[in-house]
Amino acid sequence: MAKTKTKIRRTFTSEYKLQAVQLVTEKGFSYAEAARQLGLRDAQIRAWKKQFDAEGAKAFPGNGNRGVLEEEVHRLRAENKRLVQERDLLKKATAFFAREST
């Protein structure tokens, strides 16, 4: 059975996206230079710039943390499920040993 890698999707705040676009528009960086410096693909910065040109200040709504929060909720739900199963198993074991000792 082949092991598959799950790729974690990175999220960026609106401030980060604006700063990336500013590297190209205000600081004179090429898309490739800005992408190398930020560890991104140049196509990503192009897309952000296109979105910024089309929408202006409303280009990047939200704070970019939705993915992180959803991941945390998923992790906590899985942990909760595991803890409930452990609790139920311990209840059954306690009942079993209580019957055996009498």
C-alpha atoms as a PDB file:
ATOM      1  CA  MET A   1       0.000   0.000   0.000  1.00  0.00           C
ATOM      2  CA  ALA A   2       1.481   3.328  -1.082  1.00  0.00           C
ATOM      3  CA  LYS A   3       1.814   6.039   1.496  1.00  0.00           C
ATOM      4  CA  THR A   4       0.331   9.330   0.355  1.00  0.00           C
ATOM      5  CA  LYS A   5       1.590  12.672   1.516  1.00  0.00           C
ATOM      6  CA  THR A   6      -0.971  15.218   2.524  1.00  0.00           C
ATOM      7  CA  LYS A   7      -0.031  18.665   1.398  1.00  0.00           C
ATOM      8  CA  ILE A   8      -0.784  21.425   3.857  1.00  0.00           C
ATOM      9  CA  ARG A   9      -2.263  24.457   2.185  1.00  0.00           C
ATOM     10  CA  ARG A  10      -0.614  27.654   3.325  1.00  0.00           C
ATOM     11  CA  THR A  11      -2.707  30.685   4.123  1.00  0.00           C
ATOM     12  CA  PHE A  12      -1.584  34.292   4.034  1.00  0.00           C
ATOM     13  CA  THR A  13      -2.933  37.361   5.757  1.00  0.00           C
ATOM     14  CA  SER A  14      -4.189  40.266   3.695  1.00  0.00           C
ATOM     15  CA  GLU A  15      -1.258  42.347   5.003  1.00  0.00           C
ATOM     16  CA  TYR A  16       1.222  39.759   3.719  1.00  0.00           C
ATOM     17  CA  LYS A  17      -0.418  39.738   0.291  1.00  0.00           C
ATOM     18  CA  LEU A  18      -0.344  43.538   0.149  1.00  0.00           C
ATOM     19  CA  GLN A  19       3.346  43.586   1.087  1.00  0.00           C
ATOM     20  CA  ALA A  20       4.096  41.023  -1.626  1.00  0.00           C
ATOM     21  CA  VAL A  21       2.300  43.157  -4.205  1.00  0.00           C
ATOM     22  CA  GLN A  22       4.136  46.265  -2.961  1.00  0.00           C
ATOM     23  CA  LEU A  23       7.489  44.586  -3.613  1.00  0.00           C
ATOM     24  CA  VAL A  24       6.567  44.555  -7.291  1.00  0.00           C
ATOM     25  CA  THR A  25       4.640  47.808  -7.574  1.00  0.00           C
ATOM     26  CA  GLU A  26       6.566  50.135  -5.253  1.00  0.00           C
ATOM     27  CA  LYS A  27       9.987  48.600  -4.670  1.00  0.00           C
ATOM     28  CA  GLY A  28      10.654  47.677  -8.319  1.00  0.00           C
ATOM     29  CA  PHE A  29      11.198  43.941  -7.809  1.00  0.00           C
ATOM     30  CA  SER A  30      10.392  41.617 -10.686  1.00  0.00           C
ATOM     31  CA  TYR A  31       7.790  38.948 -10.027  1.00  0.00           C
ATOM     32  CA  ALA A  32      10.528  36.289  -9.999  1.00  0.00           C
ATOM     33  CA  GLU A  33      12.692  38.244  -7.524  1.00  0.00           C
ATOM     34  CA  ALA A  34       9.790  38.883  -5.162  1.00  0.00           C
ATOM     35  CA  ALA A  35       8.710  35.247  -5.383  1.00  0.00           C
ATOM     36  CA  ARG A  36      12.228  33.996  -4.607  1.00  0.00           C
ATOM     37  CA  GLN A  37      12.525  36.322  -1.644  1.00  0.00           C
ATOM     38  CA  LEU A  38       9.163  35.244  -0.206  1.00  0.00           C
ATOM     39  CA  GLY A  39       9.385  31.551  -1.072  1.00  0.00           C
ATOM     40  CA  LEU A  40       6.384  31.699  -3.405  1.00  0.00           C
ATOM     41  CA  ARG A  41       5.688  31.072  -7.066  1.00  0.00           C
ATOM     42  CA  ASP A  42       5.750  34.183  -9.242  1.00  0.00           C
ATOM     43  CA  ALA A  43       2.296  33.219 -10.558  1.00  0.00           C
ATOM     44  CA  GLN A  44       0.931  33.637  -7.021  1.00  0.00           C
ATOM     45  CA  ILE A  45       2.193  37.202  -6.765  1.00  0.00           C
ATOM     46  CA  ARG A  46       0.861  37.939 -10.265  1.00  0.00           C
ATOM     47  CA  ALA A  47      -2.572  36.690  -9.205  1.00  0.00           C
ATOM     48  CA  TRP A  48      -2.502  38.817  -6.042  1.00  0.00           C
ATOM     49  CA  LYS A  49      -1.482  41.888  -8.052  1.00  0.00           C
ATOM     50  CA  LYS A  50      -4.228  41.268 -10.593  1.00  0.00           C
ATOM     51  CA  GLN A  51      -6.745  40.941  -7.766  1.00  0.00           C
ATOM     52  CA  PHE A  52      -5.420  44.125  -6.146  1.00  0.00           C
ATOM     53  CA  ASP A  53      -5.601  46.047  -9.434  1.00  0.00           C
ATOM     54  CA  ALA A  54      -9.202  44.920  -9.959  1.00  0.00           C
ATOM     55  CA  GLU A  55     -10.538  45.400  -6.424  1.00  0.00           C
ATOM     56  CA  GLY A  56      -8.212  47.890  -4.742  1.00  0.00           C
ATOM     57  CA  ALA A  57      -8.368  47.996  -0.955  1.00  0.00           C
ATOM     58  CA  LYS A  58     -11.131  45.343  -0.897  1.00  0.00           C
ATOM     59  CA  ALA A  59      -8.880  42.842  -2.687  1.00  0.00           C
ATOM     60  CA  PHE A  60      -8.019  40.606   0.246  1.00  0.00           C
ATOM     61  CA  PRO A  61     -10.894  40.312   2.716  1.00  0.00           C
ATOM     62  CA  GLY A  62     -10.487  38.330   5.910  1.00  0.00           C
ATOM     63  CA  ASN A  63      -7.384  37.733   7.932  1.00  0.00           C
ATOM     64  CA  GLY A  64      -6.070  34.584   6.278  1.00  0.00           C
ATOM     65  CA  ASN A  65      -6.364  32.432   9.383  1.00  0.00           C
ATOM     66  CA  ARG A  66      -9.421  30.445   8.363  1.00  0.00           C
ATOM     67  CA  GLY A  67      -7.357  27.430   7.293  1.00  0.00           C
ATOM     68  CA  VAL A  68      -5.395  27.402  10.532  1.00  0.00           C
ATOM     69  CA  LEU A  69      -8.531  27.649  12.650  1.00  0.00           C
ATOM     70  CA  GLU A  70     -10.324  24.929  10.715  1.00  0.00           C
ATOM     71  CA  GLU A  71      -7.283  22.692  11.095  1.00  0.00           C
ATOM     72  CA  GLU A  72      -7.254  23.301  14.864  1.00  0.00           C
ATOM     73  CA  VAL A  73     -10.986  22.528  15.136  1.00  0.00           C
ATOM     74  CA  HIS A  74     -10.450  19.299  13.173  1.00  0.00           C
ATOM     75  CA  ARG A  75      -7.555  18.299  15.448  1.00  0.00           C
ATOM     76  CA  LEU A  76      -9.543  19.061  18.604  1.00  0.00           C
ATOM     77  CA  ARG A  77     -12.580  17.110  17.391  1.00  0.00           C
ATOM     78  CA  ALA A  78     -10.398  14.086  16.633  1.00  0.00           C
ATOM     79  CA  GLU A  79      -8.786  14.330  20.070  1.00  0.00           C
ATOM     80  CA  ASN A  80     -12.212  14.661  21.702  1.00  0.00           C
ATOM     81  CA  LYS A  81     -13.459  11.564  19.880  1.00  0.00           C
ATOM     82  CA  ARG A  82     -10.404   9.587  21.039  1.00  0.00           C
ATOM     83  CA  LEU A  83     -10.871  10.729  24.644  1.00  0.00           C
ATOM     84  CA  VAL A  84     -14.561   9.784  24.627  1.00  0.00           C
ATOM     85  CA  GLN A  85     -13.647   6.301  23.350  1.00  0.00           C
ATOM     86  CA  GLU A  86     -10.992   5.927  26.067  1.00  0.00           C
ATOM     87  CA  ARG A  87     -13.471   7.041  28.730  1.00  0.00           C
ATOM     88  CA  ASP A  88     -16.089   4.563  27.536  1.00  0.00           C
ATOM     89  CA  LEU A  89     -13.520   1.750  27.509  1.00  0.00           C
ATOM     90  CA  LEU A  90     -12.449   2.594  31.061  1.00  0.00           C
ATOM     91  CA  LYS A  91     -16.086   2.607  32.219  1.00  0.00           C
ATOM     92  CA  LYS A  92     -16.584  -0.869  30.747  1.00  0.00           C
ATOM     93  CA  ALA A  93     -13.330  -2.130  32.276  1.00  0.00           C
ATOM     94  CA  THR A  94     -14.295  -0.730  35.679  1.00  0.00           C
ATOM     95  CA  ALA A  95     -17.692  -2.398  35.500  1.00  0.00           C
ATOM     96  CA  PHE A  96     -16.099  -5.698  34.419  1.00  0.00           C
ATOM     97  CA  PHE A  97     -13.571  -5.745  37.258  1.00  0.00           C
ATOM     98  CA  ALA A  98     -16.222  -4.654  39.785  1.00  0.00           C
ATOM     99  CA  ARG A  99     -18.313  -7.701  38.818  1.00  0.00           C
ATOM    100  CA  GLU A 100     -15.273 -10.015  38.973  1.00  0.00           C
ATOM    101  CA  SER A 101     -14.260  -8.905  42.465  1.00  0.00           C
ATOM    102  CA  THR A 102     -17.684  -9.618  43.995  1.00  0.00           C
END
